[in-house]
C-alpha atoms as a PDB file:
ATOM      1  CA  UNK A   1     -45.443   7.550  15.291  1.00  0.00           C
ATOM      2  CA  UNK A   2     -46.763   7.652  12.374  1.00  0.00           C
ATOM      3  CA  UNK A   3     -46.467   5.030   9.647  1.00  0.00           C
ATOM      4  CA  UNK A   4     -43.574   7.326   7.950  1.00  0.00           C
ATOM      5  CA  UNK A   5     -42.179   8.117  11.263  1.00  0.00           C
ATOM      6  CA  UNK A   6     -41.925   3.996  11.445  1.00  0.00           C
ATOM      7  CA  UNK A   7     -40.876   3.259   8.559  1.00  0.00           C
ATOM      8  CA  UNK A   8     -37.957   6.192   8.092  1.00  0.00           C
ATOM      9  CA  UNK A   9     -36.469   4.743  11.396  1.00  0.00           C
ATOM     10  CA  UNK A  10     -33.128   3.639  11.351  1.00  0.00           C
ATOM     11  CA  UNK A  11     -32.885   1.647  13.914  1.00  0.00           C
ATOM     12  CA  UNK A  12     -35.451  -1.069  12.929  1.00  0.00           C
ATOM     13  CA  UNK A  13     -34.644  -3.624  10.204  1.00  0.00           C
ATOM     14  CA  UNK A  14     -37.853  -4.816   8.415  1.00  0.00           C
ATOM     15  CA  UNK A  15     -38.582  -7.096  10.696  1.00  0.00           C
ATOM     16  CA  UNK A  16     -38.461  -4.932  13.743  1.00  0.00           C
ATOM     17  CA  UNK A  17     -41.274  -2.615  11.459  1.00  0.00           C
ATOM     18  CA  UNK A  18     -43.315  -5.535  10.311  1.00  0.00           C
ATOM     19  CA  UNK A  19     -43.579  -6.263  14.421  1.00  0.00           C
ATOM     20  CA  UNK A  20     -43.960  -2.639  15.501  1.00  0.00           C
ATOM     21  CA  UNK A  21     -46.661  -2.064  12.717  1.00  0.00           C
ATOM     22  CA  UNK A  22     -48.156  -5.764  13.922  1.00  0.00           C
ATOM     23  CA  UNK A  23     -48.643  -4.647  16.920  1.00  0.00           C
ATOM     24  CA  UNK A  24     -50.318  -1.190  16.313  1.00  0.00           C
ATOM     25  CA  UNK A  25     -52.677  -3.040  14.270  1.00  0.00           C
ATOM     26  CA  UNK A  26     -53.242  -5.569  16.925  1.00  0.00           C
ATOM     27  CA  UNK A  27     -53.802  -2.820  19.581  1.00  0.00           C
ATOM     28  CA  UNK A  28     -55.726  -0.474  17.227  1.00  0.00           C
ATOM     29  CA  UNK A  29     -53.701   2.181  17.088  1.00  0.00           C
ATOM     30  CA  UNK A  30     -53.570   1.996  13.704  1.00  0.00           C
ATOM     31  CA  UNK A  31     -56.357   1.649  11.268  1.00  0.00           C
ATOM     32  CA  UNK A  32     -56.313  -0.871   8.602  1.00  0.00           C
ATOM     33  CA  UNK A  33     -57.203   2.065   6.037  1.00  0.00           C
ATOM     34  CA  UNK A  34     -54.569   4.063   7.304  1.00  0.00           C
ATOM     35  CA  UNK A  35     -52.023   1.583   6.433  1.00  0.00           C
ATOM     36  CA  UNK A  36     -53.668   0.513   3.107  1.00  0.00           C
ATOM     37  CA  UNK A  37     -53.444   4.518   2.205  1.00  0.00           C
ATOM     38  CA  UNK A  38     -49.882   4.479   3.158  1.00  0.00           C
ATOM     39  CA  UNK A  39     -48.676   1.364   1.726  1.00  0.00           C
ATOM     40  CA  UNK A  40     -50.468   2.312  -1.897  1.00  0.00           C
ATOM     41  CA  UNK A  41     -48.155   5.184  -2.143  1.00  0.00           C
ATOM     42  CA  UNK A  42     -44.611   3.792  -0.972  1.00  0.00           C
ATOM     43  CA  UNK A  43     -41.973   1.334  -2.428  1.00  0.00           C
ATOM     44  CA  UNK A  44     -42.399  -1.982  -2.930  1.00  0.00           C
ATOM     45  CA  UNK A  45     -39.930  -3.472   0.322  1.00  0.00           C
ATOM     46  CA  UNK A  46     -42.265  -0.834   2.402  1.00  0.00           C
ATOM     47  CA  UNK A  47     -45.292  -2.137   1.022  1.00  0.00           C
ATOM     48  CA  UNK A  48     -44.039  -6.078   1.823  1.00  0.00           C
ATOM     49  CA  UNK A  49     -43.388  -4.980   5.117  1.00  0.00           C
ATOM     50  CA  UNK A  50     -46.834  -3.388   5.816  1.00  0.00           C
ATOM     51  CA  UNK A  51     -48.645  -6.707   3.582  1.00  0.00           C
ATOM     52  CA  UNK A  52     -46.401  -9.312   6.261  1.00  0.00           C
ATOM     53  CA  UNK A  53     -47.630  -7.032   9.372  1.00  0.00           C
ATOM     54  CA  UNK A  54     -51.440  -7.546   8.071  1.00  0.00           C
ATOM     55  CA  UNK A  55     -50.398 -11.327   7.440  1.00  0.00           C
ATOM     56  CA  UNK A  56     -49.354 -11.075  11.188  1.00  0.00           C
ATOM     57  CA  UNK A  57     -51.992  -9.668  12.578  1.00  0.00           C
ATOM     58  CA  UNK A  58     -54.653 -11.022  10.691  1.00  0.00           C
ATOM     59  CA  UNK A  59     -53.123 -14.642  11.624  1.00  0.00           C
ATOM     60  CA  UNK A  60     -53.547 -13.205  15.575  1.00  0.00           C
ATOM     61  CA  UNK A  61     -56.964 -12.000  15.259  1.00  0.00           C
ATOM     62  CA  UNK A  62     -58.345 -12.460  11.935  1.00  0.00           C
ATOM     63  CA  UNK A  63     -61.332 -10.513  13.066  1.00  0.00           C
ATOM     64  CA  UNK A  64     -59.251  -7.166  12.422  1.00  0.00           C
ATOM     65  CA  UNK A  65     -59.771  -7.504   8.267  1.00  0.00           C
ATOM     66  CA  UNK A  66     -62.045  -5.207   6.752  1.00  0.00           C
ATOM     67  CA  UNK A  67     -63.338  -5.682   2.980  1.00  0.00           C
ATOM     68  CA  UNK A  68     -60.612  -2.966   1.906  1.00  0.00           C
ATOM     69  CA  UNK A  69     -58.586  -5.832   3.546  1.00  0.00           C
ATOM     70  CA  UNK A  70     -59.156  -7.976   1.149  1.00  0.00           C
ATOM     71  CA  UNK A  71     -59.377  -5.966  -1.954  1.00  0.00           C
ATOM     72  CA  UNK A  72     -55.920  -4.634  -1.276  1.00  0.00           C
ATOM     73  CA  UNK A  73     -54.368  -8.251  -0.312  1.00  0.00           C
ATOM     74  CA  UNK A  74     -56.273  -9.460  -3.940  1.00  0.00           C
ATOM     75  CA  UNK A  75     -55.273  -6.939  -5.614  1.00  0.00           C
ATOM     76  CA  UNK A  76     -51.520  -7.059  -4.799  1.00  0.00           C
ATOM     77  CA  UNK A  77     -51.348 -11.025  -5.819  1.00  0.00           C
ATOM     78  CA  UNK A  78     -50.935  -9.816  -8.863  1.00  0.00           C
ATOM     79  CA  UNK A  79     -47.501  -7.336  -7.635  1.00  0.00           C
ATOM     80  CA  UNK A  80     -44.538  -7.447  -9.189  1.00  0.00           C
ATOM     81  CA  UNK A  81     -42.748  -8.019  -5.650  1.00  0.00           C
ATOM     82  CA  UNK A  82     -42.890 -11.893  -4.929  1.00  0.00           C
ATOM     83  CA  UNK A  83     -42.902 -11.037  -1.226  1.00  0.00           C
ATOM     84  CA  UNK A  84     -45.722  -8.192  -1.495  1.00  0.00           C
ATOM     85  CA  UNK A  85     -47.514 -11.523  -3.283  1.00  0.00           C
ATOM     86  CA  UNK A  86     -46.475 -14.526  -1.081  1.00  0.00           C
ATOM     87  CA  UNK A  87     -47.568 -11.974   2.069  1.00  0.00           C
ATOM     88  CA  UNK A  88     -50.859 -11.209  -0.053  1.00  0.00           C
ATOM     89  CA  UNK A  89     -52.019 -14.470  -0.167  1.00  0.00           C
ATOM     90  CA  UNK A  90     -51.501 -15.574   3.370  1.00  0.00           C
ATOM     91  CA  UNK A  91     -53.660 -12.574   4.387  1.00  0.00           C
ATOM     92  CA  UNK A  92     -56.345 -13.800   2.078  1.00  0.00           C
ATOM     93  CA  UNK A  93     -56.136 -17.369   3.352  1.00  0.00           C
ATOM     94  CA  UNK A  94     -56.135 -15.673   6.969  1.00  0.00           C
ATOM     95  CA  UNK A  95     -59.534 -13.757   6.232  1.00  0.00           C
ATOM     96  CA  UNK A  96     -61.578 -15.938   3.969  1.00  0.00           C
ATOM     97  CA  UNK A  97     -63.870 -17.198   6.384  1.00  0.00           C
ATOM     98  CA  UNK A  98     -64.809 -13.365   6.649  1.00  0.00           C
ATOM     99  CA  UNK A  99     -65.605 -12.742   3.364  1.00  0.00           C
ATOM    100  CA  UNK A 100     -67.126 -16.313   1.775  1.00  0.00           C
ATOM    101  CA  UNK A 101     -69.288 -14.430  -0.453  1.00  0.00           C
ATOM    102  CA  UNK A 102     -66.688 -12.297  -1.584  1.00  0.00           C
ATOM    103  CA  UNK A 103     -63.797 -14.761  -2.811  1.00  0.00           C
ATOM    104  CA  UNK A 104     -63.576 -15.127  -6.041  1.00  0.00           C
ATOM    105  CA  UNK A 105     -61.467 -12.448  -7.245  1.00  0.00           C
ATOM    106  CA  UNK A 106     -58.944 -13.813  -5.025  1.00  0.00           C
ATOM    107  CA  UNK A 107     -59.526 -16.985  -6.099  1.00  0.00           C
ATOM    108  CA  UNK A 108     -58.620 -16.139  -9.914  1.00  0.00           C
ATOM    109  CA  UNK A 109     -55.750 -14.410  -8.463  1.00  0.00           C
ATOM    110  CA  UNK A 110     -54.770 -17.188  -6.306  1.00  0.00           C
ATOM    111  CA  UNK A 111     -55.244 -19.400  -9.342  1.00  0.00           C
ATOM    112  CA  UNK A 112     -52.370 -17.551 -11.137  1.00  0.00           C
ATOM    113  CA  UNK A 113     -50.220 -17.706  -8.442  1.00  0.00           C
ATOM    114  CA  UNK A 114     -50.251 -21.263  -8.630  1.00  0.00           C
ATOM    115  CA  UNK A 115     -47.903 -21.099 -11.618  1.00  0.00           C
ATOM    116  CA  UNK A 116     -45.495 -18.720 -10.385  1.00  0.00           C
ATOM    117  CA  UNK A 117     -41.776 -19.620 -10.749  1.00  0.00           C
ATOM    118  CA  UNK A 118     -41.390 -18.775  -7.099  1.00  0.00           C
ATOM    119  CA  UNK A 119     -41.956 -21.648  -4.763  1.00  0.00           C
ATOM    120  CA  UNK A 120     -42.714 -19.027  -2.048  1.00  0.00           C
ATOM    121  CA  UNK A 121     -45.830 -18.009  -4.254  1.00  0.00           C
ATOM    122  CA  UNK A 122     -46.663 -21.167  -5.074  1.00  0.00           C
ATOM    123  CA  UNK A 123     -46.723 -21.952  -1.039  1.00  0.00           C
ATOM    124  CA  UNK A 124     -48.600 -19.162  -0.257  1.00  0.00           C
ATOM    125  CA  UNK A 125     -51.660 -19.461  -3.348  1.00  0.00           C
ATOM    126  CA  UNK A 126     -51.864 -23.121  -2.063  1.00  0.00           C
ATOM    127  CA  UNK A 127     -52.549 -22.196   1.848  1.00  0.00           C
ATOM    128  CA  UNK A 128     -55.240 -19.853   0.920  1.00  0.00           C
ATOM    129  CA  UNK A 129     -56.710 -22.074  -1.968  1.00  0.00           C
ATOM    130  CA  UNK A 130     -56.758 -24.310   1.189  1.00  0.00           C
ATOM    131  CA  UNK A 131     -58.336 -22.117   3.831  1.00  0.00           C
ATOM    132  CA  UNK A 132     -60.409 -21.174   0.973  1.00  0.00           C
ATOM    133  CA  UNK A 133     -61.716 -24.866  -0.069  1.00  0.00           C
ATOM    134  CA  UNK A 134     -62.225 -25.956   3.625  1.00  0.00           C
ATOM    135  CA  UNK A 135     -64.402 -23.798   4.188  1.00  0.00           C
ATOM    136  CA  UNK A 136     -67.012 -25.882   1.925  1.00  0.00           C
ATOM    137  CA  UNK A 137     -68.203 -23.296  -0.065  1.00  0.00           C
ATOM    138  CA  UNK A 138     -70.680 -23.730  -3.659  1.00  0.00           C
ATOM    139  CA  UNK A 139     -67.461 -22.728  -5.528  1.00  0.00           C
ATOM    140  CA  UNK A 140     -65.717 -26.286  -4.740  1.00  0.00           C
ATOM    141  CA  UNK A 141     -67.331 -27.641  -7.303  1.00  0.00           C
ATOM    142  CA  UNK A 142     -65.328 -25.943  -9.755  1.00  0.00           C
ATOM    143  CA  UNK A 143     -62.430 -25.349  -7.465  1.00  0.00           C
ATOM    144  CA  UNK A 144     -61.755 -28.758  -6.257  1.00  0.00           C
ATOM    145  CA  UNK A 145     -61.311 -30.263  -9.681  1.00  0.00           C
ATOM    146  CA  UNK A 146     -58.783 -27.704 -10.143  1.00  0.00           C
ATOM    147  CA  UNK A 147     -57.113 -28.261  -6.767  1.00  0.00           C
ATOM    148  CA  UNK A 148     -56.784 -31.761  -7.788  1.00  0.00           C
ATOM    149  CA  UNK A 149     -54.957 -30.499 -11.130  1.00  0.00           C
ATOM    150  CA  UNK A 150     -52.474 -27.935  -9.571  1.00  0.00           C
ATOM    151  CA  UNK A 151     -51.041 -31.274  -7.359  1.00  0.00           C
ATOM    152  CA  UNK A 152     -50.838 -33.272 -10.471  1.00  0.00           C
ATOM    153  CA  UNK A 153     -48.607 -30.586 -12.365  1.00  0.00           C
ATOM    154  CA  UNK A 154     -46.600 -29.422  -9.092  1.00  0.00           C
ATOM    155  CA  UNK A 155     -43.567 -30.066  -8.460  1.00  0.00           C
ATOM    156  CA  UNK A 156     -42.860 -29.383  -4.768  1.00  0.00           C
ATOM    157  CA  UNK A 157     -44.237 -32.010  -2.350  1.00  0.00           C
ATOM    158  CA  UNK A 158     -44.470 -29.440  -0.094  1.00  0.00           C
ATOM    159  CA  UNK A 159     -46.951 -27.764  -1.793  1.00  0.00           C
ATOM    160  CA  UNK A 160     -48.673 -31.089  -3.039  1.00  0.00           C
ATOM    161  CA  UNK A 161     -48.872 -31.775   0.520  1.00  0.00           C
ATOM    162  CA  UNK A 162     -50.892 -28.477   1.933  1.00  0.00           C
ATOM    163  CA  UNK A 163     -53.908 -28.686  -1.168  1.00  0.00           C
ATOM    164  CA  UNK A 164     -53.781 -33.333  -0.157  1.00  0.00           C
ATOM    165  CA  UNK A 165     -54.674 -31.998   3.293  1.00  0.00           C
ATOM    166  CA  UNK A 166     -57.415 -29.474   2.462  1.00  0.00           C
ATOM    167  CA  UNK A 167     -58.595 -31.589   0.142  1.00  0.00           C
ATOM    168  CA  UNK A 168     -58.923 -34.478   3.168  1.00  0.00           C
ATOM    169  CA  UNK A 169     -60.300 -31.883   5.688  1.00  0.00           C
ATOM    170  CA  UNK A 170     -63.237 -31.482   2.989  1.00  0.00           C
ATOM    171  CA  UNK A 171     -63.849 -35.049   2.291  1.00  0.00           C
END
């Protein structure tokens, strides 16, 4: 089954397409590069499904991630569709340990998303930034005070708790 066939299959809803695509990524029937190439030229809903499939697959097997996957997720942190933004952030959180020297562009995009009006986008940014700070990288000298400032201005306790838990693990 090609990606075009999968996304044109009217018997599958979005969740079914995500599950099928995730399975294809996990069993390496399809490459991350093929999904990225497909997603670059598709509508927002399908791009969101591709990003969600990456999120699920990398959560189960983060070694599936490639540098191209990190770049794709980072590029989409500023996408107009919130679903694409939050799934991109979750992908970055899943794969950050594999790309410790290449996270600065992702961190910049995630910090922008901490001010997004959508709670889920801010939650996903908190998740990813929390995963990054737990890596105890040299950037933490700047990142930790920034996260502490975000905690002060964040209105949702559920999001504050994500940052607080990450900061607690590094102290």
